[in-house]
Amino acid sequence: MKIRVYYEDTDAGGVVYHSQYLNFCERARSELFFTKGLSPHKENEFFVVKSLQADYIKSAKFADLLDIQTKVIEQKKASLVLSQIILNEKDEILFKMEVQVAYLKNRKPYRIPENILNIF
């Protein structure tokens, strides 16, 4: 997924705030659903972040066009571990993260439905 860096994503020097990388990754995960005509939140069923590990490698800057790539690296009944990387237009890795997301139904862990697994 491609994301443009806007002024609101940066500090006064035009460098992306560290927390924005997490927002960019969250948007990319949501877009996986939207591109299939689905929503990442369905009444009482949704994913929540359980844990994550992030590495900030290089800074993104104002007006950069970023590519966020997401892939599954581990799948369990009610959770996934995803690898997400953010690259710039030169295909340089700026940020990488592993995030564990848990699927909840009625606020309790629940087996991830097959149609949801197919999105990833």
PDB file of N, CA and C in Angstrom:
ATOM      1  N   MET A   1       0.838  -1.174   0.000  1.00  0.00           N
ATOM      2  CA  MET A   1       0.000   0.000   0.000  1.00  0.00           C
ATOM      3  C   MET A   1       0.882   1.237   0.000  1.00  0.00           C
ATOM      4  N   LYS A   2       0.516   2.216  -0.767  1.00  0.00           N
ATOM      5  CA  LYS A   2       1.263   3.470  -0.856  1.00  0.00           C
ATOM      6  C   LYS A   2       0.613   4.532   0.025  1.00  0.00           C
ATOM      7  N   ILE A   3       1.462   5.278   0.732  1.00  0.00           N
ATOM      8  CA  ILE A   3       1.001   6.379   1.576  1.00  0.00           C
ATOM      9  C   ILE A   3       1.914   7.576   1.333  1.00  0.00           C
ATOM     10  N   ARG A   4       1.308   8.727   1.146  1.00  0.00           N
ATOM     11  CA  ARG A   4       2.064   9.972   1.009  1.00  0.00           C
ATOM     12  C   ARG A   4       2.244  10.573   2.399  1.00  0.00           C
ATOM     13  N   VAL A   5       3.425  11.114   2.674  1.00  0.00           N
ATOM     14  CA  VAL A   5       3.679  11.790   3.949  1.00  0.00           C
ATOM     15  C   VAL A   5       3.205  13.238   3.824  1.00  0.00           C
ATOM     16  N   TYR A   6       2.276  13.607   4.693  1.00  0.00           N
ATOM     17  CA  TYR A   6       1.756  14.967   4.720  1.00  0.00           C
ATOM     18  C   TYR A   6       2.421  15.766   5.831  1.00  0.00           C
ATOM     19  N   TYR A   7       2.273  17.066   5.750  1.00  0.00           N
ATOM     20  CA  TYR A   7       2.884  17.949   6.740  1.00  0.00           C
ATOM     21  C   TYR A   7       2.458  17.570   8.162  1.00  0.00           C
ATOM     22  N   GLU A   8       1.201  17.190   8.322  1.00  0.00           N
ATOM     23  CA  GLU A   8       0.691  16.828   9.653  1.00  0.00           C
ATOM     24  C   GLU A   8       1.387  15.608  10.247  1.00  0.00           C
ATOM     25  N   ASP A   9       2.078  14.825   9.408  1.00  0.00           N
ATOM     26  CA  ASP A   9       2.797  13.633   9.865  1.00  0.00           C
ATOM     27  C   ASP A   9       4.200  13.948  10.381  1.00  0.00           C
ATOM     28  N   THR A  10       4.612  15.225  10.224  1.00  0.00           N
ATOM     29  CA  THR A  10       6.013  15.567  10.473  1.00  0.00           C
ATOM     30  C   THR A  10       6.182  16.621  11.561  1.00  0.00           C
ATOM     31  N   ASP A  11       7.439  16.745  11.992  1.00  0.00           N
ATOM     32  CA  ASP A  11       7.791  17.827  12.907  1.00  0.00           C
ATOM     33  C   ASP A  11       8.131  19.073  12.085  1.00  0.00           C
ATOM     34  N   ALA A  12       8.571  20.128  12.737  1.00  0.00           N
ATOM     35  CA  ALA A  12       8.865  21.388  12.044  1.00  0.00           C
ATOM     36  C   ALA A  12       9.985  21.246  11.020  1.00  0.00           C
ATOM     37  N   GLY A  13      10.833  20.221  11.180  1.00  0.00           N
ATOM     38  CA  GLY A  13      11.918  19.986  10.241  1.00  0.00           C
ATOM     39  C   GLY A  13      11.525  19.100   9.073  1.00  0.00           C
ATOM     40  N   GLY A  14      10.264  18.676   9.032  1.00  0.00           N
ATOM     41  CA  GLY A  14       9.791  17.849   7.933  1.00  0.00           C
ATOM     42  C   GLY A  14      10.088  16.371   8.084  1.00  0.00           C
ATOM     43  N   VAL A  15      10.465  15.929   9.283  1.00  0.00           N
ATOM     44  CA  VAL A  15      10.756  14.513   9.554  1.00  0.00           C
ATOM     45  C   VAL A  15       9.535  13.864  10.195  1.00  0.00           C
ATOM     46  N   VAL A  16       9.198  12.675   9.752  1.00  0.00           N
ATOM     47  CA  VAL A  16       8.015  11.973  10.252  1.00  0.00           C
ATOM     48  C   VAL A  16       8.174  11.641  11.743  1.00  0.00           C
ATOM     49  N   TYR A  17       7.138  11.954  12.512  1.00  0.00           N
ATOM     50  CA  TYR A  17       7.088  11.592  13.930  1.00  0.00           C
ATOM     51  C   TYR A  17       7.162  10.071  14.068  1.00  0.00           C
ATOM     52  N   HIS A  18       7.812   9.604  15.112  1.00  0.00           N
ATOM     53  CA  HIS A  18       7.994   8.156  15.292  1.00  0.00           C
ATOM     54  C   HIS A  18       6.665   7.412  15.385  1.00  0.00           C
ATOM     55  N   SER A  19       5.662   7.997  16.007  1.00  0.00           N
ATOM     56  CA  SER A  19       4.382   7.309  16.184  1.00  0.00           C
ATOM     57  C   SER A  19       3.618   7.155  14.869  1.00  0.00           C
ATOM     58  N   GLN A  20       3.916   8.003  13.888  1.00  0.00           N
ATOM     59  CA  GLN A  20       3.206   7.932  12.614  1.00  0.00           C
ATOM     60  C   GLN A  20       3.477   6.628  11.870  1.00  0.00           C
ATOM     61  N   TYR A  21       4.650   6.031  12.061  1.00  0.00           N
ATOM     62  CA  TYR A  21       4.955   4.765  11.392  1.00  0.00           C
ATOM     63  C   TYR A  21       3.955   3.686  11.822  1.00  0.00           C
ATOM     64  N   LEU A  22       3.588   3.704  13.105  1.00  0.00           N
ATOM     65  CA  LEU A  22       2.586   2.754  13.599  1.00  0.00           C
ATOM     66  C   LEU A  22       1.232   3.035  12.952  1.00  0.00           C
ATOM     67  N   ASN A  23       0.890   4.319  12.803  1.00  0.00           N
ATOM     68  CA  ASN A  23      -0.367   4.689  12.135  1.00  0.00           C
ATOM     69  C   ASN A  23      -0.364   4.241  10.681  1.00  0.00           C
ATOM     70  N   PHE A  24       0.765   4.436   9.993  1.00  0.00           N
ATOM     71  CA  PHE A  24       0.853   4.014   8.597  1.00  0.00           C
ATOM     72  C   PHE A  24       0.629   2.506   8.477  1.00  0.00           C
ATOM     73  N   CYS A  25       1.232   1.746   9.383  1.00  0.00           N
ATOM     74  CA  CYS A  25       1.065   0.286   9.351  1.00  0.00           C
ATOM     75  C   CYS A  25      -0.373  -0.119   9.654  1.00  0.00           C
ATOM     76  N   GLU A  26      -0.988   0.574  10.584  1.00  0.00           N
ATOM     77  CA  GLU A  26      -2.397   0.297  10.909  1.00  0.00           C
ATOM     78  C   GLU A  26      -3.280   0.568   9.692  1.00  0.00           C
ATOM     79  N   ARG A  27      -3.018   1.661   9.001  1.00  0.00           N
ATOM     80  CA  ARG A  27      -3.794   1.972   7.796  1.00  0.00           C
ATOM     81  C   ARG A  27      -3.617   0.888   6.741  1.00  0.00           C
ATOM     82  N   ALA A  28      -2.391   0.421   6.591  1.00  0.00           N
ATOM     83  CA  ALA A  28      -2.123  -0.622   5.593  1.00  0.00           C
ATOM     84  C   ALA A  28      -2.884  -1.900   5.929  1.00  0.00           C
ATOM     85  N   ARG A  29      -2.937  -2.261   7.211  1.00  0.00           N
ATOM     86  CA  ARG A  29      -3.698  -3.450   7.608  1.00  0.00           C
ATOM     87  C   ARG A  29      -5.184  -3.245   7.315  1.00  0.00           C
ATOM     88  N   SER A  30      -5.699  -2.060   7.591  1.00  0.00           N
ATOM     89  CA  SER A  30      -7.113  -1.770   7.298  1.00  0.00           C
ATOM     90  C   SER A  30      -7.377  -1.809   5.804  1.00  0.00           C
ATOM     91  N   GLU A  31      -6.466  -1.283   5.007  1.00  0.00           N
ATOM     92  CA  GLU A  31      -6.640  -1.259   3.553  1.00  0.00           C
ATOM     93  C   GLU A  31      -6.734  -2.662   2.965  1.00  0.00           C
ATOM     94  N   LEU A  32      -6.080  -3.643   3.589  1.00  0.00           N
ATOM     95  CA  LEU A  32      -6.197  -5.024   3.123  1.00  0.00           C
ATOM     96  C   LEU A  32      -7.665  -5.442   3.095  1.00  0.00           C
ATOM     97  N   PHE A  33      -8.418  -5.019   4.090  1.00  0.00           N
ATOM     98  CA  PHE A  33      -9.851  -5.320   4.160  1.00  0.00           C
ATOM     99  C   PHE A  33     -10.630  -4.490   3.142  1.00  0.00           C
ATOM    100  N   PHE A  34     -10.358  -3.183   3.113  1.00  0.00           N
ATOM    101  CA  PHE A  34     -11.118  -2.281   2.246  1.00  0.00           C
ATOM    102  C   PHE A  34     -10.989  -2.669   0.781  1.00  0.00           C
ATOM    103  N   THR A  35      -9.800  -3.107   0.362  1.00  0.00           N
ATOM    104  CA  THR A  35      -9.611  -3.484  -1.047  1.00  0.00           C
ATOM    105  C   THR A  35     -10.402  -4.733  -1.417  1.00  0.00           C
ATOM    106  N   LYS A  36     -10.849  -5.498  -0.419  1.00  0.00           N
ATOM    107  CA  LYS A  36     -11.684  -6.686  -0.657  1.00  0.00           C
ATOM    108  C   LYS A  36     -13.160  -6.397  -0.416  1.00  0.00           C
ATOM    109  N   GLY A  37     -13.477  -5.112  -0.197  1.00  0.00           N
ATOM    110  CA  GLY A  37     -14.867  -4.735   0.038  1.00  0.00           C
ATOM    111  C   GLY A  37     -15.350  -5.091   1.428  1.00  0.00           C
ATOM    112  N   LEU A  38     -14.428  -5.286   2.353  1.00  0.00           N
ATOM    113  CA  LEU A  38     -14.771  -5.656   3.730  1.00  0.00           C
ATOM    114  C   LEU A  38     -14.334  -4.563   4.691  1.00  0.00           C
ATOM    115  N   SER A  39     -14.671  -4.750   5.940  1.00  0.00           N
ATOM    116  CA  SER A  39     -14.260  -3.822   6.992  1.00  0.00           C
ATOM    117  C   SER A  39     -13.427  -4.570   8.028  1.00  0.00           C
ATOM    118  N   PRO A  40     -12.408  -3.916   8.586  1.00  0.00           N
ATOM    119  CA  PRO A  40     -11.625  -4.571   9.637  1.00  0.00           C
ATOM    120  C   PRO A  40     -12.373  -4.657  10.970  1.00  0.00           C
ATOM    121  N   HIS A  41     -13.524  -4.044  11.035  1.00  0.00           N
ATOM    122  CA  HIS A  41     -14.335  -4.077  12.260  1.00  0.00           C
ATOM    123  C   HIS A  41     -15.758  -4.415  11.869  1.00  0.00           C
ATOM    124  N   LYS A  42     -16.259  -5.540  12.391  1.00  0.00           N
ATOM    125  CA  LYS A  42     -17.610  -5.989  12.052  1.00  0.00           C
ATOM    126  C   LYS A  42     -18.365  -6.234  13.345  1.00  0.00           C
ATOM    127  N   GLU A  43     -19.249  -5.328  13.691  1.00  0.00           N
ATOM    128  CA  GLU A  43     -20.042  -5.403  14.917  1.00  0.00           C
ATOM    129  C   GLU A  43     -19.162  -5.768  16.109  1.00  0.00           C
ATOM    130  N   ASN A  44     -19.234  -7.010  16.562  1.00  0.00           N
ATOM    131  CA  ASN A  44     -18.471  -7.421  17.745  1.00  0.00           C
ATOM    132  C   ASN A  44     -17.247  -8.258  17.402  1.00  0.00           C
ATOM    133  N   GLU A  45     -16.764  -8.185  16.140  1.00  0.00           N
ATOM    134  CA  GLU A  45     -15.588  -8.945  15.713  1.00  0.00           C
ATOM    135  C   GLU A  45     -14.555  -7.999  15.134  1.00  0.00           C
ATOM    136  N   PHE A  46     -13.315  -8.137  15.618  1.00  0.00           N
ATOM    137  CA  PHE A  46     -12.241  -7.263  15.152  1.00  0.00           C
ATOM    138  C   PHE A  46     -10.900  -7.764  15.687  1.00  0.00           C
ATOM    139  N   PHE A  47      -9.831  -7.218  15.122  1.00  0.00           N
ATOM    140  CA  PHE A  47      -8.481  -7.495  15.597  1.00  0.00           C
ATOM    141  C   PHE A  47      -8.053  -6.406  16.574  1.00  0.00           C
ATOM    142  N   VAL A  48      -7.231  -6.796  17.544  1.00  0.00           N
ATOM    143  CA  VAL A  48      -6.563  -5.846  18.430  1.00  0.00           C
ATOM    144  C   VAL A  48      -5.076  -6.180  18.430  1.00  0.00           C
ATOM    145  N   VAL A  49      -4.256  -5.166  18.646  1.00  0.00           N
ATOM    146  CA  VAL A  49      -2.820  -5.387  18.746  1.00  0.00           C
ATOM    147  C   VAL A  49      -2.515  -5.914  20.129  1.00  0.00           C
ATOM    148  N   LYS A  50      -1.830  -7.061  20.175  1.00  0.00           N
ATOM    149  CA  LYS A  50      -1.424  -7.652  21.449  1.00  0.00           C
ATOM    150  C   LYS A  50      -0.016  -7.220  21.815  1.00  0.00           C
ATOM    151  N   SER A  51       0.879  -7.220  20.826  1.00  0.00           N
ATOM    152  CA  SER A  51       2.257  -6.799  21.079  1.00  0.00           C
ATOM    153  C   SER A  51       2.903  -6.409  19.757  1.00  0.00           C
ATOM    154  N   LEU A  52       3.981  -5.657  19.862  1.00  0.00           N
ATOM    155  CA  LEU A  52       4.731  -5.323  18.661  1.00  0.00           C
ATOM    156  C   LEU A  52       6.178  -5.016  19.019  1.00  0.00           C
ATOM    157  N   GLN A  53       7.023  -5.208  18.016  1.00  0.00           N
ATOM    158  CA  GLN A  53       8.431  -4.834  18.118  1.00  0.00           C
ATOM    159  C   GLN A  53       8.739  -4.005  16.886  1.00  0.00           C
ATOM    160  N   ALA A  54       9.279  -2.812  17.090  1.00  0.00           N
ATOM    161  CA  ALA A  54       9.509  -1.890  15.986  1.00  0.00           C
ATOM    162  C   ALA A  54      10.974  -1.487  15.905  1.00  0.00           C
ATOM    163  N   ASP A  55      11.457  -1.364  14.674  1.00  0.00           N
ATOM    164  CA  ASP A  55      12.816  -0.884  14.410  1.00  0.00           C
ATOM    165  C   ASP A  55      12.731   0.316  13.472  1.00  0.00           C
ATOM    166  N   TYR A  56      13.236   1.437  13.946  1.00  0.00           N
ATOM    167  CA  TYR A  56      13.290   2.657  13.143  1.00  0.00           C
ATOM    168  C   TYR A  56      14.676   2.707  12.513  1.00  0.00           C
ATOM    169  N   ILE A  57      14.741   2.663  11.197  1.00  0.00           N
ATOM    170  CA  ILE A  57      16.018   2.526  10.504  1.00  0.00           C
ATOM    171  C   ILE A  57      16.458   3.841   9.863  1.00  0.00           C
ATOM    172  N   LYS A  58      15.583   4.463   9.091  1.00  0.00           N
ATOM    173  CA  LYS A  58      15.848   5.754   8.458  1.00  0.00           C
ATOM    174  C   LYS A  58      14.595   6.603   8.572  1.00  0.00           C
ATOM    175  N   SER A  59      14.772   7.899   8.441  1.00  0.00           N
ATOM    176  CA  SER A  59      13.631   8.810   8.558  1.00  0.00           C
ATOM    177  C   SER A  59      12.926   9.011   7.230  1.00  0.00           C
ATOM    178  N   ALA A  60      11.618   9.033   7.306  1.00  0.00           N
ATOM    179  CA  ALA A  60      10.804   9.483   6.171  1.00  0.00           C
ATOM    180  C   ALA A  60      10.620  10.980   6.337  1.00  0.00           C
ATOM    181  N   LYS A  61      10.391  11.652   5.215  1.00  0.00           N
ATOM    182  CA  LYS A  61      10.276  13.102   5.243  1.00  0.00           C
ATOM    183  C   LYS A  61       9.011  13.556   4.521  1.00  0.00           C
ATOM    184  N   PHE A  62       8.681  14.814   4.759  1.00  0.00           N
ATOM    185  CA  PHE A  62       7.522  15.439   4.135  1.00  0.00           C
ATOM    186  C   PHE A  62       7.517  15.181   2.630  1.00  0.00           C
ATOM    187  N   ALA A  63       6.365  14.784   2.113  1.00  0.00           N
ATOM    188  CA  ALA A  63       6.087  14.544   0.691  1.00  0.00           C
ATOM    189  C   ALA A  63       6.602  13.209   0.172  1.00  0.00           C
ATOM    190  N   ASP A  64       7.323  12.434   0.990  1.00  0.00           N
ATOM    191  CA  ASP A  64       7.753  11.107   0.541  1.00  0.00           C
ATOM    192  C   ASP A  64       6.545  10.245   0.215  1.00  0.00           C
ATOM    193  N   LEU A  65       6.711   9.367  -0.759  1.00  0.00           N
ATOM    194  CA  LEU A  65       5.717   8.351  -1.059  1.00  0.00           C
ATOM    195  C   LEU A  65       6.249   7.039  -0.497  1.00  0.00           C
ATOM    196  N   LEU A  66       5.537   6.488   0.464  1.00  0.00           N
ATOM    197  CA  LEU A  66       5.983   5.288   1.172  1.00  0.00           C
ATOM    198  C   LEU A  66       5.200   4.072   0.707  1.00  0.00           C
ATOM    199  N   ASP A  67       5.863   2.935   0.741  1.00  0.00           N
ATOM    200  CA  ASP A  67       5.234   1.656   0.414  1.00  0.00           C
ATOM    201  C   ASP A  67       5.229   0.809   1.679  1.00  0.00           C
ATOM    202  N   ILE A  68       4.053   0.428   2.145  1.00  0.00           N
ATOM    203  CA  ILE A  68       3.934  -0.416   3.334  1.00  0.00           C
ATOM    204  C   ILE A  68       3.584  -1.816   2.875  1.00  0.00           C
ATOM    205  N   GLN A  69       4.436  -2.765   3.235  1.00  0.00           N
ATOM    206  CA  GLN A  69       4.239  -4.157   2.848  1.00  0.00           C
ATOM    207  C   GLN A  69       3.938  -4.979   4.099  1.00  0.00           C
ATOM    208  N   THR A  70       2.954  -5.849   3.981  1.00  0.00           N
ATOM    209  CA  THR A  70       2.485  -6.656   5.104  1.00  0.00           C
ATOM    210  C   THR A  70       2.462  -8.117   4.696  1.00  0.00           C
ATOM    211  N   LYS A  71       3.006  -8.980   5.569  1.00  0.00           N
ATOM    212  CA  LYS A  71       2.904 -10.418   5.312  1.00  0.00           C
ATOM    213  C   LYS A  71       2.765 -11.166   6.638  1.00  0.00           C
ATOM    214  N   VAL A  72       2.094 -12.303   6.565  1.00  0.00           N
ATOM    215  CA  VAL A  72       1.906 -13.160   7.732  1.00  0.00           C
ATOM    216  C   VAL A  72       3.177 -13.971   7.948  1.00  0.00           C
ATOM    217  N   ILE A  73       3.671 -13.976   9.189  1.00  0.00           N
ATOM    218  CA  ILE A  73       4.820 -14.828   9.489  1.00  0.00           C
ATOM    219  C   ILE A  73       4.477 -15.938  10.485  1.00  0.00           C
ATOM    220  N   GLU A  74       3.336 -15.809  11.131  1.00  0.00           N
ATOM    221  CA  GLU A  74       2.870 -16.880  12.021  1.00  0.00           C
ATOM    222  C   GLU A  74       1.354 -16.795  12.133  1.00  0.00           C
ATOM    223  N   GLN A  75       0.715 -17.958  12.094  1.00  0.00           N
ATOM    224  CA  GLN A  75      -0.739 -18.009  12.187  1.00  0.00           C
ATOM    225  C   GLN A  75      -1.128 -19.005  13.263  1.00  0.00           C
ATOM    226  N   LYS A  76      -1.991 -18.566  14.167  1.00  0.00           N
ATOM    227  CA  LYS A  76      -2.576 -19.442  15.178  1.00  0.00           C
ATOM    228  C   LYS A  76      -4.093 -19.352  15.037  1.00  0.00           C
ATOM    229  N   LYS A  77      -4.809 -20.076  15.871  1.00  0.00           N
ATOM    230  CA  LYS A  77      -6.275 -20.100  15.759  1.00  0.00           C
ATOM    231  C   LYS A  77      -6.902 -18.715  15.885  1.00  0.00           C
ATOM    232  N   ALA A  78      -6.446 -17.947  16.886  1.00  0.00           N
ATOM    233  CA  ALA A  78      -7.077 -16.654  17.160  1.00  0.00           C
ATOM    234  C   ALA A  78      -6.107 -15.481  17.043  1.00  0.00           C
ATOM    235  N   SER A  79      -4.924 -15.709  16.478  1.00  0.00           N
ATOM    236  CA  SER A  79      -3.976 -14.604  16.346  1.00  0.00           C
ATOM    237  C   SER A  79      -3.073 -14.790  15.133  1.00  0.00           C
ATOM    238  N   LEU A  80      -2.487 -13.676  14.739  1.00  0.00           N
ATOM    239  CA  LEU A  80      -1.518 -13.652  13.647  1.00  0.00           C
ATOM    240  C   LEU A  80      -0.315 -12.835  14.086  1.00  0.00           C
ATOM    241  N   VAL A  81       0.857 -13.208  13.606  1.00  0.00           N
ATOM    242  CA  VAL A  81       2.024 -12.346  13.716  1.00  0.00           C
ATOM    243  C   VAL A  81       2.315 -11.878  12.296  1.00  0.00           C
ATOM    244  N   LEU A  82       2.361 -10.557  12.142  1.00  0.00           N
ATOM    245  CA  LEU A  82       2.574  -9.954  10.834  1.00  0.00           C
ATOM    246  C   LEU A  82       3.904  -9.223  10.810  1.00  0.00           C
ATOM    247  N   SER A  83       4.555  -9.282   9.676  1.00  0.00           N
ATOM    248  CA  SER A  83       5.733  -8.469   9.419  1.00  0.00           C
ATOM    249  C   SER A  83       5.280  -7.309   8.554  1.00  0.00           C
ATOM    250  N   GLN A  84       5.639  -6.103   8.968  1.00  0.00           N
ATOM    251  CA  GLN A  84       5.327  -4.933   8.156  1.00  0.00           C
ATOM    252  C   GLN A  84       6.599  -4.122   7.976  1.00  0.00           C
ATOM    253  N   ILE A  85       6.858  -3.740   6.733  1.00  0.00           N
ATOM    254  CA  ILE A  85       8.008  -2.887   6.455  1.00  0.00           C
ATOM    255  C   ILE A  85       7.530  -1.671   5.676  1.00  0.00           C
ATOM    256  N   ILE A  86       8.220  -0.573   5.904  1.00  0.00           N
ATOM    257  CA  ILE A  86       7.943   0.662   5.181  1.00  0.00           C
ATOM    258  C   ILE A  86       9.188   1.007   4.381  1.00  0.00           C
ATOM    259  N   LEU A  87       8.981   1.184   3.078  1.00  0.00           N
ATOM    260  CA  LEU A  87      10.079   1.527   2.178  1.00  0.00           C
ATOM    261  C   LEU A  87       9.823   2.893   1.557  1.00  0.00           C
ATOM    262  N   ASN A  88      10.906   3.573   1.197  1.00  0.00           N
ATOM    263  CA  ASN A  88      10.758   4.829   0.475  1.00  0.00           C
ATOM    264  C   ASN A  88      10.764   4.566  -1.025  1.00  0.00           C
ATOM    265  N   GLU A  89      10.762   5.615  -1.813  1.00  0.00           N
ATOM    266  CA  GLU A  89      10.704   5.469  -3.272  1.00  0.00           C
ATOM    267  C   GLU A  89      11.972   4.866  -3.857  1.00  0.00           C
ATOM    268  N   LYS A  90      13.054   4.856  -3.078  1.00  0.00           N
ATOM    269  CA  LYS A  90      14.314   4.231  -3.515  1.00  0.00           C
ATOM    270  C   LYS A  90      14.387   2.769  -3.073  1.00  0.00           C
ATOM    271  N   ASP A  91      13.280   2.250  -2.540  1.00  0.00           N
ATOM    272  CA  ASP A  91      13.196   0.891  -1.990  1.00  0.00           C
ATOM    273  C   ASP A  91      14.132   0.670  -0.801  1.00  0.00           C
ATOM    274  N   GLU A  92      14.428   1.738  -0.073  1.00  0.00           N
ATOM    275  CA  GLU A  92      15.206   1.634   1.160  1.00  0.00           C
ATOM    276  C   GLU A  92      14.250   1.356   2.307  1.00  0.00           C
ATOM    277  N   ILE A  93      14.609   0.434   3.167  1.00  0.00           N
ATOM    278  CA  ILE A  93      13.778   0.140   4.336  1.00  0.00           C
ATOM    279  C   ILE A  93      13.960   1.251   5.360  1.00  0.00           C
ATOM    280  N   LEU A  94      12.843   1.869   5.726  1.00  0.00           N
ATOM    281  CA  LEU A  94      12.854   2.940   6.722  1.00  0.00           C
ATOM    282  C   LEU A  94      12.448   2.432   8.099  1.00  0.00           C
ATOM    283  N   PHE A  95      11.554   1.459   8.103  1.00  0.00           N
ATOM    284  CA  PHE A  95      10.937   1.000   9.351  1.00  0.00           C
ATOM    285  C   PHE A  95      10.509  -0.439   9.149  1.00  0.00           C
ATOM    286  N   LYS A  96      10.660  -1.225  10.191  1.00  0.00           N
ATOM    287  CA  LYS A  96      10.112  -2.580  10.138  1.00  0.00           C
ATOM    288  C   LYS A  96       9.568  -2.942  11.503  1.00  0.00           C
ATOM    289  N   MET A  97       8.560  -3.796  11.458  1.00  0.00           N
ATOM    290  CA  MET A  97       7.874  -4.145  12.696  1.00  0.00           C
ATOM    291  C   MET A  97       7.288  -5.537  12.585  1.00  0.00           C
ATOM    292  N   GLU A  98       7.258  -6.220  13.708  1.00  0.00           N
ATOM    293  CA  GLU A  98       6.471  -7.436  13.859  1.00  0.00           C
ATOM    294  C   GLU A  98       5.371  -7.102  14.842  1.00  0.00           C
ATOM    295  N   VAL A  99       4.157  -7.428  14.457  1.00  0.00           N
ATOM    296  CA  VAL A  99       3.007  -7.114  15.298  1.00  0.00           C
ATOM    297  C   VAL A  99       2.154  -8.370  15.456  1.00  0.00           C
ATOM    298  N   GLN A 100       1.794  -8.665  16.693  1.00  0.00           N
ATOM    299  CA  GLN A 100       0.876  -9.769  16.946  1.00  0.00           C
ATOM    300  C   GLN A 100      -0.500  -9.172  17.150  1.00  0.00           C
ATOM    301  N   VAL A 101      -1.447  -9.654  16.341  1.00  0.00           N
ATOM    302  CA  VAL A 101      -2.832  -9.207  16.463  1.00  0.00           C
ATOM    303  C   VAL A 101      -3.696 -10.393  16.867  1.00  0.00           C
ATOM    304  N   ALA A 102      -4.631 -10.133  17.762  1.00  0.00           N
ATOM    305  CA  ALA A 102      -5.564 -11.165  18.218  1.00  0.00           C
ATOM    306  C   ALA A 102      -6.949 -10.847  17.678  1.00  0.00           C
ATOM    307  N   TYR A 103      -7.660 -11.895  17.279  1.00  0.00           N
ATOM    308  CA  TYR A 103      -9.012 -11.732  16.764  1.00  0.00           C
ATOM    309  C   TYR A 103      -9.980 -11.919  17.922  1.00  0.00           C
ATOM    310  N   LEU A 104     -10.879 -10.961  18.093  1.00  0.00           N
ATOM    311  CA  LEU A 104     -11.850 -11.018  19.180  1.00  0.00           C
ATOM    312  C   LEU A 104     -13.266 -11.038  18.633  1.00  0.00           C
ATOM    313  N   LYS A 105     -14.103 -11.785  19.328  1.00  0.00           N
ATOM    314  CA  LYS A 105     -15.545 -11.747  19.087  1.00  0.00           C
ATOM    315  C   LYS A 105     -16.182 -11.572  20.452  1.00  0.00           C
ATOM    316  N   ASN A 106     -17.016 -10.561  20.563  1.00  0.00           N
ATOM    317  CA  ASN A 106     -17.615 -10.228  21.865  1.00  0.00           C
ATOM    318  C   ASN A 106     -16.543 -10.027  22.924  1.00  0.00           C
ATOM    319  N   ARG A 107     -15.425  -9.420  22.480  1.00  0.00           N
ATOM    320  CA  ARG A 107     -14.294  -9.050  23.354  1.00  0.00           C
ATOM    321  C   ARG A 107     -13.540 -10.240  23.945  1.00  0.00           C
ATOM    322  N   LYS A 108     -13.684 -11.423  23.328  1.00  0.00           N
ATOM    323  CA  LYS A 108     -12.955 -12.616  23.761  1.00  0.00           C
ATOM    324  C   LYS A 108     -12.236 -13.212  22.558  1.00  0.00           C
ATOM    325  N   PRO A 109     -11.069 -13.831  22.771  1.00  0.00           N
ATOM    326  CA  PRO A 109     -10.373 -14.463  21.643  1.00  0.00           C
ATOM    327  C   PRO A 109     -11.285 -15.450  20.929  1.00  0.00           C
ATOM    328  N   TYR A 110     -11.186 -15.440  19.599  1.00  0.00           N
ATOM    329  CA  TYR A 110     -12.076 -16.245  18.773  1.00  0.00           C
ATOM    330  C   TYR A 110     -11.313 -16.706  17.541  1.00  0.00           C
ATOM    331  N   ARG A 111     -11.631 -17.902  17.078  1.00  0.00           N
ATOM    332  CA  ARG A 111     -10.977 -18.437  15.874  1.00  0.00           C
ATOM    333  C   ARG A 111     -11.176 -17.482  14.699  1.00  0.00           C
ATOM    334  N   ILE A 112     -10.086 -17.183  14.004  1.00  0.00           N
ATOM    335  CA  ILE A 112     -10.159 -16.274  12.860  1.00  0.00           C
ATOM    336  C   ILE A 112     -10.912 -16.971  11.725  1.00  0.00           C
ATOM    337  N   PRO A 113     -11.991 -16.363  11.230  1.00  0.00           N
ATOM    338  CA  PRO A 113     -12.746 -16.975  10.138  1.00  0.00           C
ATOM    339  C   PRO A 113     -11.872 -17.114   8.875  1.00  0.00           C
ATOM    340  N   GLU A 114     -12.163 -18.139   8.101  1.00  0.00           N
ATOM    341  CA  GLU A 114     -11.382 -18.426   6.896  1.00  0.00           C
ATOM    342  C   GLU A 114     -11.365 -17.260   5.918  1.00  0.00           C
ATOM    343  N   ASN A 115     -12.517 -16.607   5.735  1.00  0.00           N
ATOM    344  CA  ASN A 115     -12.561 -15.486   4.790  1.00  0.00           C
ATOM    345  C   ASN A 115     -11.672 -14.311   5.232  1.00  0.00           C
ATOM    346  N   ILE A 116     -11.475 -14.175   6.538  1.00  0.00           N
ATOM    347  CA  ILE A 116     -10.580 -13.144   7.057  1.00  0.00           C
ATOM    348  C   ILE A 116      -9.130 -13.542   6.844  1.00  0.00           C
ATOM    349  N   LEU A 117      -8.823 -14.802   7.084  1.00  0.00           N
ATOM    350  CA  LEU A 117      -7.456 -15.299   6.854  1.00  0.00           C
ATOM    351  C   LEU A 117      -7.041 -15.104   5.396  1.00  0.00           C
ATOM    352  N   ASN A 118      -7.983 -15.282   4.489  1.00  0.00           N
ATOM    353  CA  ASN A 118      -7.683 -15.153   3.060  1.00  0.00           C
ATOM    354  C   ASN A 118      -7.290 -13.726   2.682  1.00  0.00           C
ATOM    355  N   ILE A 119      -7.657 -12.739   3.466  1.00  0.00           N
ATOM    356  CA  ILE A 119      -7.297 -11.358   3.193  1.00  0.00           C
ATOM    357  C   ILE A 119      -5.781 -11.172   3.280  1.00  0.00           C
ATOM    358  N   PHE A 120      -5.183 -11.865   4.226  1.00  0.00           N
ATOM    359  CA  PHE A 120      -3.747 -11.713   4.446  1.00  0.00           C
ATOM    360  C   PHE A 120      -2.940 -12.583   3.506  1.00  0.00           C
TER     361      PHE A 120
END
